[in-house]
N, C-alpha and C. Protein backbone atom coordinates (compact mmCIF):
# COMPACT_ATOMS: atom_id res chain seq x y z
N CYS A 1 -11.32 10.43 1.26
CA CYS A 1 -10.12 11.02 1.83
C CYS A 1 -9.00 9.98 1.76
N ASP A 2 -7.86 10.37 1.30
CA ASP A 2 -6.69 9.50 1.27
C ASP A 2 -5.96 9.66 2.59
N VAL A 3 -6.02 8.66 3.45
CA VAL A 3 -5.44 8.77 4.78
C VAL A 3 -3.91 8.80 4.76
N ARG A 4 -3.32 8.69 3.57
CA ARG A 4 -1.86 8.79 3.45
C ARG A 4 -1.43 10.23 3.19
N ASP A 5 -2.37 11.09 2.82
CA ASP A 5 -2.07 12.45 2.38
C ASP A 5 -2.41 13.44 3.49
N GLU A 6 -1.40 14.06 4.06
CA GLU A 6 -1.59 14.95 5.20
C GLU A 6 -2.54 16.11 4.89
N ALA A 7 -2.34 16.76 3.76
CA ALA A 7 -3.19 17.90 3.40
C ALA A 7 -4.64 17.45 3.19
N ASN A 8 -4.80 16.29 2.60
CA ASN A 8 -6.13 15.74 2.34
C ASN A 8 -6.85 15.44 3.65
N VAL A 9 -6.15 14.84 4.60
CA VAL A 9 -6.74 14.51 5.90
C VAL A 9 -7.08 15.79 6.66
N GLU A 10 -6.16 16.74 6.66
CA GLU A 10 -6.40 18.00 7.35
C GLU A 10 -7.62 18.72 6.79
N ALA A 11 -7.76 18.73 5.47
CA ALA A 11 -8.91 19.37 4.82
C ALA A 11 -10.20 18.62 5.16
N ALA A 12 -10.15 17.30 5.19
CA ALA A 12 -11.35 16.51 5.51
C ALA A 12 -11.82 16.79 6.94
N MET A 13 -10.88 16.89 7.87
CA MET A 13 -11.26 17.18 9.26
C MET A 13 -11.87 18.58 9.38
N ALA A 14 -11.26 19.53 8.71
CA ALA A 14 -11.79 20.90 8.75
C ALA A 14 -13.18 20.97 8.15
N GLN A 15 -13.37 20.27 7.03
CA GLN A 15 -14.68 20.26 6.37
C GLN A 15 -15.73 19.58 7.25
N ALA A 16 -15.37 18.47 7.88
CA ALA A 16 -16.31 17.78 8.76
C ALA A 16 -16.67 18.65 9.96
N ALA A 17 -15.67 19.29 10.55
CA ALA A 17 -15.91 20.15 11.71
C ALA A 17 -16.79 21.34 11.35
N GLU A 18 -16.56 21.91 10.18
CA GLU A 18 -17.39 23.04 9.75
C GLU A 18 -18.82 22.59 9.50
N HIS A 19 -18.98 21.47 8.83
CA HIS A 19 -20.32 20.98 8.48
C HIS A 19 -21.13 20.57 9.72
N PHE A 20 -20.46 19.88 10.66
CA PHE A 20 -21.18 19.35 11.82
C PHE A 20 -21.03 20.21 13.08
N GLY A 21 -20.26 21.27 13.00
CA GLY A 21 -20.06 22.12 14.16
C GLY A 21 -19.06 21.57 15.15
N GLY A 22 -18.18 20.70 14.69
CA GLY A 22 -17.15 20.09 15.54
C GLY A 22 -16.99 18.63 15.19
N ILE A 23 -16.07 17.98 15.88
CA ILE A 23 -15.86 16.53 15.73
C ILE A 23 -15.88 15.92 17.12
N ASP A 24 -16.75 14.94 17.30
CA ASP A 24 -16.87 14.23 18.57
C ASP A 24 -16.21 12.85 18.53
N VAL A 25 -16.17 12.25 17.33
CA VAL A 25 -15.70 10.87 17.20
C VAL A 25 -14.84 10.73 15.96
N LEU A 26 -13.73 10.03 16.10
CA LEU A 26 -12.93 9.60 14.97
C LEU A 26 -12.90 8.08 15.00
N VAL A 27 -13.31 7.45 13.89
CA VAL A 27 -13.21 6.00 13.76
C VAL A 27 -12.15 5.72 12.71
N ASN A 28 -11.05 5.11 13.14
CA ASN A 28 -9.99 4.71 12.22
C ASN A 28 -10.31 3.31 11.70
N ASN A 29 -10.92 3.27 10.52
CA ASN A 29 -11.32 2.00 9.93
C ASN A 29 -10.52 1.69 8.67
N ALA A 30 -9.85 2.68 8.11
CA ALA A 30 -9.08 2.46 6.88
C ALA A 30 -7.98 1.45 7.14
N SER A 31 -7.85 0.50 6.23
CA SER A 31 -6.83 -0.53 6.40
C SER A 31 -6.51 -1.16 5.06
N ALA A 32 -5.24 -1.43 4.84
CA ALA A 32 -4.81 -2.16 3.65
C ALA A 32 -4.40 -3.56 4.11
N ILE A 33 -4.72 -4.56 3.30
CA ILE A 33 -4.47 -5.94 3.68
C ILE A 33 -3.73 -6.67 2.56
N TRP A 34 -2.78 -7.52 2.97
CA TRP A 34 -2.05 -8.38 2.04
C TRP A 34 -1.55 -9.56 2.87
N LEU A 35 -2.25 -10.65 2.77
CA LEU A 35 -1.96 -11.81 3.62
C LEU A 35 -1.04 -12.79 2.90
N ARG A 36 0.22 -12.43 2.86
CA ARG A 36 1.24 -13.29 2.24
C ARG A 36 2.50 -13.25 3.10
N GLY A 37 3.37 -14.20 2.85
CA GLY A 37 4.64 -14.24 3.56
C GLY A 37 5.62 -13.21 3.02
N VAL A 38 6.77 -13.13 3.64
CA VAL A 38 7.78 -12.13 3.30
C VAL A 38 8.19 -12.23 1.83
N LEU A 39 8.45 -13.44 1.34
CA LEU A 39 8.93 -13.60 -0.03
C LEU A 39 7.86 -13.28 -1.08
N ASP A 40 6.61 -13.29 -0.67
CA ASP A 40 5.50 -12.99 -1.59
C ASP A 40 4.88 -11.62 -1.34
N THR A 41 5.60 -10.76 -0.63
CA THR A 41 5.09 -9.41 -0.34
C THR A 41 5.94 -8.38 -1.06
N PRO A 42 5.44 -7.83 -2.17
CA PRO A 42 6.19 -6.76 -2.83
C PRO A 42 6.30 -5.55 -1.89
N MET A 43 7.42 -4.85 -1.94
CA MET A 43 7.60 -3.70 -1.05
C MET A 43 6.53 -2.64 -1.28
N LYS A 44 5.99 -2.56 -2.48
CA LYS A 44 4.90 -1.62 -2.76
C LYS A 44 3.69 -1.94 -1.86
N ARG A 45 3.40 -3.22 -1.69
CA ARG A 45 2.30 -3.64 -0.82
C ARG A 45 2.63 -3.37 0.65
N PHE A 46 3.87 -3.68 1.04
CA PHE A 46 4.31 -3.44 2.41
C PHE A 46 4.17 -1.95 2.74
N ASP A 47 4.67 -1.10 1.85
CA ASP A 47 4.60 0.35 2.07
C ASP A 47 3.17 0.83 2.16
N LEU A 48 2.29 0.31 1.30
CA LEU A 48 0.88 0.70 1.34
C LEU A 48 0.26 0.36 2.69
N MET A 49 0.51 -0.86 3.17
CA MET A 49 -0.06 -1.26 4.47
C MET A 49 0.46 -0.37 5.59
N SER A 50 1.74 -0.07 5.57
CA SER A 50 2.32 0.78 6.61
C SER A 50 1.75 2.19 6.56
N GLN A 51 1.63 2.72 5.35
CA GLN A 51 1.13 4.09 5.18
C GLN A 51 -0.34 4.22 5.55
N VAL A 52 -1.15 3.26 5.15
CA VAL A 52 -2.59 3.34 5.43
C VAL A 52 -2.89 2.97 6.87
N ASN A 53 -2.32 1.87 7.34
CA ASN A 53 -2.70 1.35 8.65
C ASN A 53 -2.13 2.16 9.81
N SER A 54 -0.86 1.99 10.10
CA SER A 54 -0.33 2.67 11.29
C SER A 54 -0.13 4.18 11.08
N ARG A 55 0.45 4.57 9.94
CA ARG A 55 0.66 6.00 9.70
C ARG A 55 -0.68 6.72 9.53
N GLY A 56 -1.61 6.09 8.82
CA GLY A 56 -2.93 6.70 8.62
C GLY A 56 -3.68 6.90 9.93
N THR A 57 -3.57 5.92 10.83
CA THR A 57 -4.20 6.03 12.14
C THR A 57 -3.61 7.20 12.93
N PHE A 58 -2.28 7.30 12.90
CA PHE A 58 -1.59 8.39 13.60
C PHE A 58 -1.97 9.74 12.99
N LEU A 59 -1.95 9.83 11.67
CA LEU A 59 -2.24 11.09 10.98
C LEU A 59 -3.68 11.54 11.21
N CYS A 60 -4.62 10.63 11.07
CA CYS A 60 -6.03 11.01 11.27
C CYS A 60 -6.28 11.47 12.71
N ALA A 61 -5.66 10.78 13.66
CA ALA A 61 -5.80 11.20 15.05
C ALA A 61 -5.19 12.58 15.26
N GLN A 62 -4.00 12.79 14.72
CA GLN A 62 -3.31 14.08 14.87
C GLN A 62 -4.16 15.23 14.35
N LYS A 63 -4.80 15.04 13.21
CA LYS A 63 -5.58 16.11 12.59
C LYS A 63 -6.98 16.26 13.21
N ALA A 64 -7.49 15.19 13.83
CA ALA A 64 -8.80 15.27 14.48
C ALA A 64 -8.70 15.80 15.91
N LEU A 65 -7.58 15.59 16.56
CA LEU A 65 -7.46 15.93 17.98
C LEU A 65 -7.73 17.40 18.32
N PRO A 66 -7.32 18.37 17.51
CA PRO A 66 -7.67 19.75 17.87
C PRO A 66 -9.18 19.97 17.99
N TYR A 67 -9.94 19.25 17.19
CA TYR A 67 -11.40 19.35 17.26
C TYR A 67 -11.94 18.48 18.40
N LEU A 68 -11.40 17.29 18.54
CA LEU A 68 -11.86 16.38 19.60
C LEU A 68 -11.67 16.99 20.98
N LEU A 69 -10.58 17.69 21.16
CA LEU A 69 -10.29 18.29 22.48
C LEU A 69 -11.30 19.37 22.87
N LYS A 70 -12.11 19.83 21.92
CA LYS A 70 -13.16 20.81 22.20
C LYS A 70 -14.51 20.13 22.45
N SER A 71 -14.59 18.82 22.25
CA SER A 71 -15.84 18.07 22.40
C SER A 71 -16.11 17.75 23.86
N SER A 72 -17.38 17.61 24.20
CA SER A 72 -17.73 17.26 25.58
C SER A 72 -17.59 15.75 25.83
N ASN A 73 -17.56 14.94 24.79
CA ASN A 73 -17.41 13.49 24.95
C ASN A 73 -16.62 12.91 23.78
N PRO A 74 -15.33 13.25 23.68
CA PRO A 74 -14.54 12.86 22.51
C PRO A 74 -14.05 11.41 22.56
N HIS A 75 -14.10 10.78 21.40
CA HIS A 75 -13.67 9.38 21.28
C HIS A 75 -12.86 9.18 20.01
N ILE A 76 -11.82 8.36 20.11
CA ILE A 76 -11.13 7.79 18.95
C ILE A 76 -11.29 6.28 19.08
N LEU A 77 -11.81 5.66 18.04
CA LEU A 77 -11.98 4.21 18.02
C LEU A 77 -11.27 3.67 16.78
N THR A 78 -10.33 2.77 17.00
CA THR A 78 -9.54 2.21 15.91
C THR A 78 -9.84 0.72 15.77
N LEU A 79 -10.08 0.29 14.54
CA LEU A 79 -10.32 -1.13 14.28
C LEU A 79 -8.97 -1.82 14.20
N ALA A 80 -8.55 -2.31 15.37
CA ALA A 80 -7.22 -2.91 15.50
C ALA A 80 -7.25 -3.99 16.56
N PRO A 81 -6.39 -4.99 16.41
CA PRO A 81 -6.38 -6.11 17.36
C PRO A 81 -5.67 -5.76 18.66
N PRO A 82 -5.94 -6.55 19.71
CA PRO A 82 -5.16 -6.39 20.93
C PRO A 82 -3.69 -6.64 20.61
N PRO A 83 -2.77 -5.86 21.18
CA PRO A 83 -1.35 -6.07 20.90
C PRO A 83 -0.93 -7.50 21.27
N SER A 84 -0.13 -8.11 20.41
CA SER A 84 0.30 -9.48 20.66
C SER A 84 1.67 -9.73 20.03
N LEU A 85 2.49 -10.47 20.74
CA LEU A 85 3.77 -10.92 20.19
C LEU A 85 3.73 -12.41 19.87
N ASP A 86 2.54 -13.00 19.88
CA ASP A 86 2.39 -14.41 19.59
C ASP A 86 2.84 -14.70 18.15
N PRO A 87 3.84 -15.58 17.98
CA PRO A 87 4.35 -15.86 16.64
C PRO A 87 3.31 -16.37 15.65
N LYS A 88 2.20 -16.94 16.15
CA LYS A 88 1.18 -17.46 15.22
C LYS A 88 0.59 -16.35 14.36
N TRP A 89 0.62 -15.10 14.84
CA TRP A 89 0.12 -13.98 14.04
C TRP A 89 1.21 -13.39 13.16
N TRP A 90 2.44 -13.47 13.62
CA TRP A 90 3.55 -12.83 12.92
C TRP A 90 4.11 -13.71 11.80
N GLY A 91 4.23 -14.99 12.03
CA GLY A 91 4.86 -15.88 11.07
C GLY A 91 4.23 -15.92 9.69
N PRO A 92 2.92 -16.10 9.60
CA PRO A 92 2.31 -16.24 8.27
C PRO A 92 2.32 -14.97 7.42
N PHE A 93 2.16 -13.82 8.02
CA PHE A 93 2.09 -12.56 7.25
C PHE A 93 2.64 -11.41 8.09
N THR A 94 3.95 -11.37 8.18
CA THR A 94 4.64 -10.38 9.00
C THR A 94 4.29 -8.95 8.63
N GLY A 95 4.25 -8.65 7.33
CA GLY A 95 3.99 -7.28 6.89
C GLY A 95 2.63 -6.77 7.35
N TYR A 96 1.59 -7.59 7.15
CA TYR A 96 0.24 -7.18 7.54
C TYR A 96 0.13 -7.08 9.06
N THR A 97 0.67 -8.07 9.77
CA THR A 97 0.59 -8.04 11.22
C THR A 97 1.30 -6.81 11.79
N LEU A 98 2.45 -6.49 11.22
CA LEU A 98 3.17 -5.30 11.66
C LEU A 98 2.33 -4.04 11.45
N ALA A 99 1.67 -3.94 10.31
CA ALA A 99 0.85 -2.76 10.02
C ALA A 99 -0.35 -2.66 10.96
N LYS A 100 -1.01 -3.80 11.24
CA LYS A 100 -2.17 -3.79 12.14
C LYS A 100 -1.74 -3.55 13.59
N MET A 101 -0.65 -4.19 14.00
CA MET A 101 -0.18 -3.97 15.37
C MET A 101 0.31 -2.54 15.54
N GLY A 102 0.77 -1.93 14.45
CA GLY A 102 1.12 -0.51 14.50
C GLY A 102 -0.09 0.33 14.89
N MET A 103 -1.26 -0.03 14.36
CA MET A 103 -2.49 0.66 14.72
C MET A 103 -2.78 0.47 16.21
N SER A 104 -2.54 -0.74 16.69
CA SER A 104 -2.77 -1.04 18.11
C SER A 104 -1.84 -0.23 18.99
N LEU A 105 -0.58 -0.12 18.58
CA LEU A 105 0.38 0.62 19.39
C LEU A 105 0.11 2.13 19.36
N VAL A 106 -0.37 2.64 18.23
CA VAL A 106 -0.79 4.05 18.18
C VAL A 106 -1.94 4.26 19.17
N THR A 107 -2.87 3.31 19.21
CA THR A 107 -3.99 3.39 20.15
C THR A 107 -3.48 3.44 21.59
N LEU A 108 -2.55 2.56 21.89
CA LEU A 108 -1.98 2.51 23.24
C LEU A 108 -1.32 3.84 23.63
N GLY A 109 -0.54 4.40 22.70
CA GLY A 109 0.15 5.66 22.97
C GLY A 109 -0.81 6.83 23.12
N LEU A 110 -1.78 6.91 22.23
CA LEU A 110 -2.75 8.01 22.30
C LEU A 110 -3.58 7.94 23.58
N ALA A 111 -3.96 6.73 23.97
CA ALA A 111 -4.76 6.57 25.19
C ALA A 111 -4.02 7.11 26.40
N GLU A 112 -2.72 6.87 26.44
CA GLU A 112 -1.92 7.36 27.57
C GLU A 112 -1.71 8.87 27.48
N GLU A 113 -1.36 9.35 26.28
CA GLU A 113 -1.08 10.78 26.13
C GLU A 113 -2.31 11.65 26.40
N PHE A 114 -3.48 11.17 26.01
CA PHE A 114 -4.69 11.99 26.15
C PHE A 114 -5.63 11.46 27.24
N LYS A 115 -5.07 10.70 28.18
CA LYS A 115 -5.85 10.14 29.29
C LYS A 115 -6.64 11.24 30.00
N GLY A 116 -7.93 10.98 30.19
CA GLY A 116 -8.79 11.93 30.89
C GLY A 116 -9.33 13.04 30.00
N ARG A 117 -8.81 13.13 28.76
CA ARG A 117 -9.26 14.20 27.85
C ARG A 117 -9.97 13.65 26.61
N VAL A 118 -9.48 12.54 26.09
CA VAL A 118 -10.08 11.91 24.90
C VAL A 118 -10.05 10.40 25.13
N ALA A 119 -11.18 9.74 24.94
CA ALA A 119 -11.21 8.28 25.03
C ALA A 119 -10.58 7.72 23.77
N VAL A 120 -9.64 6.81 23.95
CA VAL A 120 -8.97 6.16 22.81
C VAL A 120 -9.02 4.66 23.04
N ASN A 121 -9.74 3.96 22.18
CA ASN A 121 -9.94 2.53 22.32
C ASN A 121 -9.78 1.84 20.97
N ALA A 122 -9.65 0.51 21.03
CA ALA A 122 -9.61 -0.30 19.81
C ALA A 122 -10.72 -1.33 19.87
N LEU A 123 -11.17 -1.74 18.70
CA LEU A 123 -12.22 -2.75 18.58
C LEU A 123 -11.79 -3.75 17.53
N TRP A 124 -12.02 -5.03 17.82
CA TRP A 124 -11.63 -6.10 16.91
C TRP A 124 -12.72 -7.17 16.91
N PRO A 125 -13.03 -7.73 15.76
CA PRO A 125 -14.07 -8.77 15.72
C PRO A 125 -13.58 -10.10 16.30
N LYS A 126 -14.48 -10.80 16.94
CA LYS A 126 -14.17 -12.12 17.50
C LYS A 126 -14.07 -13.16 16.39
N THR A 127 -14.85 -12.98 15.33
CA THR A 127 -14.85 -13.91 14.19
C THR A 127 -14.58 -13.12 12.91
N VAL A 128 -14.45 -13.83 11.82
CA VAL A 128 -14.25 -13.19 10.52
C VAL A 128 -15.55 -12.48 10.13
N ILE A 129 -15.42 -11.27 9.60
CA ILE A 129 -16.57 -10.45 9.19
C ILE A 129 -16.68 -10.47 7.67
N ALA A 130 -17.89 -10.58 7.18
CA ALA A 130 -18.16 -10.65 5.74
C ALA A 130 -18.06 -9.26 5.11
N THR A 131 -16.84 -8.86 4.79
CA THR A 131 -16.60 -7.59 4.10
C THR A 131 -15.87 -7.89 2.80
N ASP A 132 -15.61 -6.85 2.02
CA ASP A 132 -14.86 -7.05 0.77
C ASP A 132 -13.47 -7.61 1.03
N ALA A 133 -12.90 -7.32 2.19
CA ALA A 133 -11.56 -7.81 2.52
C ALA A 133 -11.51 -9.33 2.63
N ILE A 134 -12.67 -9.95 2.80
CA ILE A 134 -12.74 -11.40 2.92
C ILE A 134 -12.14 -12.08 1.69
N ASN A 135 -12.21 -11.40 0.55
CA ASN A 135 -11.66 -11.96 -0.68
C ASN A 135 -10.14 -12.09 -0.62
N MET A 136 -9.50 -11.42 0.33
CA MET A 136 -8.04 -11.49 0.48
C MET A 136 -7.61 -12.69 1.32
N ILE A 137 -8.57 -13.38 1.93
CA ILE A 137 -8.25 -14.51 2.80
C ILE A 137 -8.60 -15.81 2.08
N PRO A 138 -7.60 -16.52 1.61
CA PRO A 138 -7.87 -17.76 0.86
C PRO A 138 -8.58 -18.79 1.72
N GLY A 139 -9.58 -19.44 1.13
CA GLY A 139 -10.25 -20.56 1.78
C GLY A 139 -11.30 -20.21 2.81
N VAL A 140 -11.62 -18.95 2.99
CA VAL A 140 -12.64 -18.58 3.97
C VAL A 140 -14.03 -18.69 3.34
N ASP A 141 -14.90 -19.44 3.98
CA ASP A 141 -16.28 -19.60 3.52
C ASP A 141 -17.12 -18.48 4.13
N ILE A 142 -17.69 -17.65 3.28
CA ILE A 142 -18.45 -16.50 3.77
C ILE A 142 -19.64 -16.92 4.64
N ALA A 143 -20.13 -18.13 4.43
CA ALA A 143 -21.26 -18.61 5.24
C ALA A 143 -20.88 -18.77 6.70
N GLY A 144 -19.60 -18.89 6.98
CA GLY A 144 -19.14 -19.01 8.37
C GLY A 144 -18.75 -17.69 9.00
N CYS A 145 -19.10 -16.60 8.34
CA CYS A 145 -18.74 -15.25 8.82
C CYS A 145 -19.92 -14.56 9.49
N ARG A 146 -19.61 -13.46 10.14
CA ARG A 146 -20.66 -12.60 10.68
C ARG A 146 -20.79 -11.35 9.83
N LYS A 147 -21.96 -10.72 9.95
CA LYS A 147 -22.25 -9.49 9.22
C LYS A 147 -21.52 -8.31 9.89
N PRO A 148 -21.20 -7.27 9.12
CA PRO A 148 -20.52 -6.09 9.69
C PRO A 148 -21.33 -5.40 10.79
N GLU A 149 -22.62 -5.62 10.83
CA GLU A 149 -23.46 -4.97 11.84
C GLU A 149 -23.02 -5.27 13.27
N ILE A 150 -22.40 -6.42 13.51
CA ILE A 150 -21.96 -6.75 14.87
C ILE A 150 -20.87 -5.78 15.33
N VAL A 151 -19.99 -5.40 14.42
CA VAL A 151 -18.92 -4.45 14.76
C VAL A 151 -19.51 -3.05 14.93
N ALA A 152 -20.46 -2.70 14.06
CA ALA A 152 -21.10 -1.39 14.16
C ALA A 152 -21.86 -1.25 15.48
N ASP A 153 -22.58 -2.29 15.88
CA ASP A 153 -23.32 -2.24 17.14
C ASP A 153 -22.37 -2.13 18.34
N ALA A 154 -21.29 -2.88 18.29
CA ALA A 154 -20.31 -2.80 19.37
C ALA A 154 -19.69 -1.40 19.44
N ALA A 155 -19.36 -0.85 18.27
CA ALA A 155 -18.80 0.51 18.22
C ALA A 155 -19.76 1.51 18.85
N TYR A 156 -21.03 1.40 18.53
CA TYR A 156 -22.04 2.30 19.09
C TYR A 156 -22.01 2.26 20.62
N HIS A 157 -21.95 1.07 21.18
CA HIS A 157 -21.96 0.94 22.64
C HIS A 157 -20.69 1.50 23.28
N ILE A 158 -19.56 1.40 22.57
CA ILE A 158 -18.32 1.99 23.09
C ILE A 158 -18.40 3.51 23.04
N LEU A 159 -18.86 4.03 21.91
CA LEU A 159 -18.84 5.48 21.69
C LEU A 159 -19.86 6.25 22.53
N LYS A 160 -20.84 5.56 23.08
CA LYS A 160 -21.80 6.26 23.94
C LYS A 160 -21.32 6.34 25.39
N GLN A 161 -20.19 5.69 25.70
CA GLN A 161 -19.63 5.73 27.06
C GLN A 161 -19.03 7.11 27.35
N PRO A 162 -19.04 7.55 28.60
CA PRO A 162 -18.35 8.79 28.95
C PRO A 162 -16.85 8.63 28.66
N SER A 163 -16.31 9.55 27.90
CA SER A 163 -14.92 9.42 27.46
C SER A 163 -13.92 9.37 28.63
N ALA A 164 -14.23 10.04 29.71
CA ALA A 164 -13.30 10.05 30.85
C ALA A 164 -13.25 8.71 31.57
N GLU A 165 -14.23 7.84 31.30
CA GLU A 165 -14.33 6.57 32.02
C GLU A 165 -14.02 5.36 31.15
N CYS A 166 -13.77 5.56 29.87
CA CYS A 166 -13.64 4.41 28.97
C CYS A 166 -12.52 4.68 27.96
N SER A 167 -11.29 4.37 28.36
CA SER A 167 -10.16 4.62 27.46
C SER A 167 -9.06 3.60 27.70
N GLY A 168 -8.28 3.35 26.64
CA GLY A 168 -7.15 2.44 26.74
C GLY A 168 -7.52 0.98 26.66
N ASN A 169 -8.69 0.69 26.08
CA ASN A 169 -9.18 -0.69 26.00
C ASN A 169 -9.00 -1.27 24.61
N PHE A 170 -8.81 -2.58 24.57
CA PHE A 170 -8.79 -3.34 23.33
C PHE A 170 -9.96 -4.31 23.39
N PHE A 171 -11.10 -3.85 22.88
CA PHE A 171 -12.34 -4.60 22.97
C PHE A 171 -12.48 -5.59 21.82
N THR A 172 -13.26 -6.67 22.05
CA THR A 172 -13.78 -7.47 20.96
C THR A 172 -15.27 -7.17 20.86
N ASP A 173 -15.82 -7.35 19.67
CA ASP A 173 -17.24 -7.04 19.47
C ASP A 173 -18.13 -7.84 20.42
N GLU A 174 -17.85 -9.13 20.56
CA GLU A 174 -18.65 -9.98 21.45
C GLU A 174 -18.60 -9.50 22.89
N GLU A 175 -17.41 -9.19 23.36
CA GLU A 175 -17.22 -8.74 24.74
C GLU A 175 -18.08 -7.51 25.04
N VAL A 176 -18.09 -6.56 24.12
CA VAL A 176 -18.86 -5.33 24.30
C VAL A 176 -20.35 -5.64 24.35
N LEU A 177 -20.81 -6.46 23.42
CA LEU A 177 -22.24 -6.76 23.35
C LEU A 177 -22.71 -7.60 24.53
N ILE A 178 -21.89 -8.54 24.98
CA ILE A 178 -22.25 -9.33 26.17
C ILE A 178 -22.41 -8.42 27.38
N LYS A 179 -21.51 -7.44 27.50
CA LYS A 179 -21.60 -6.49 28.62
C LYS A 179 -22.90 -5.68 28.54
N GLU A 180 -23.42 -5.51 27.32
CA GLU A 180 -24.68 -4.78 27.13
C GLU A 180 -25.89 -5.71 27.24
N GLY A 181 -25.65 -6.99 27.59
CA GLY A 181 -26.76 -7.93 27.77
C GLY A 181 -27.16 -8.69 26.52
N ILE A 182 -26.40 -8.56 25.45
CA ILE A 182 -26.69 -9.26 24.20
C ILE A 182 -25.86 -10.53 24.16
N THR A 183 -26.54 -11.68 24.17
CA THR A 183 -25.82 -12.96 24.17
C THR A 183 -26.18 -13.84 22.98
N ASP A 184 -27.24 -13.49 22.28
CA ASP A 184 -27.63 -14.25 21.08
C ASP A 184 -27.08 -13.53 19.86
N PHE A 185 -26.08 -14.14 19.23
CA PHE A 185 -25.42 -13.51 18.09
C PHE A 185 -25.90 -14.06 16.75
N SER A 186 -26.96 -14.87 16.76
CA SER A 186 -27.43 -15.50 15.53
C SER A 186 -27.88 -14.47 14.48
N ALA A 187 -28.39 -13.32 14.92
CA ALA A 187 -28.83 -12.29 13.96
C ALA A 187 -27.65 -11.72 13.17
N TYR A 188 -26.45 -11.88 13.70
CA TYR A 188 -25.27 -11.35 13.03
C TYR A 188 -24.62 -12.35 12.08
N ALA A 189 -25.07 -13.59 12.10
CA ALA A 189 -24.47 -14.63 11.26
C ALA A 189 -24.92 -14.48 9.81
N VAL A 190 -23.99 -14.62 8.89
CA VAL A 190 -24.36 -14.63 7.47
C VAL A 190 -25.28 -15.82 7.23
N ASN A 191 -24.95 -16.97 7.84
CA ASN A 191 -25.79 -18.16 7.79
C ASN A 191 -26.22 -18.48 9.23
N PRO A 192 -27.43 -18.05 9.63
CA PRO A 192 -27.87 -18.20 11.02
C PRO A 192 -27.88 -19.65 11.51
N LYS A 193 -27.84 -20.63 10.59
CA LYS A 193 -27.86 -22.04 10.99
C LYS A 193 -26.50 -22.51 11.50
N GLN A 194 -25.44 -21.76 11.19
CA GLN A 194 -24.10 -22.12 11.65
C GLN A 194 -23.84 -21.51 13.02
N GLN A 195 -23.20 -22.30 13.88
CA GLN A 195 -22.80 -21.80 15.19
C GLN A 195 -21.52 -20.98 15.05
N LEU A 196 -21.52 -19.76 15.57
CA LEU A 196 -20.34 -18.91 15.50
C LEU A 196 -19.83 -18.61 16.89
């Protein structure tokens, strides 16, 4: 599904709802990344990040909500960082940070608008995760990363919460797992011998 295409997203939601008998969870994981400064960011890349990240999150939520509102435990979970105005995130790659923070702000708005009806939360990794996107980050050693399973496990624990009691949060994967009694993260390390 192309999260930039309204008709495509609407059709995907309808198809999922028909196949599964409804939609209980939307996970906004689609994201475009370009970690460069302003002078090294072509507008084509900037537009892609804006369209996929913040606009895509808004669009997918908009098209999933009619189905989610019929669910007994509806959740929207967006892979987005806690909102921050700290210049250390903005200075190096303004375009990407703007696109990701856009996802965070959509999360904030949706959580308030649908309070008590749909749980809307964000999840962000505490460390770098070994995904294909890692190739976009110069100088990152994959051996110092964690496996994607840590984010998946954290997402599972968020999504099993009663939606009326768990909304408007910006979680980190570690925080969620610690609350569930998991404190040994070595199984999630790409290189278990490294301390993460």
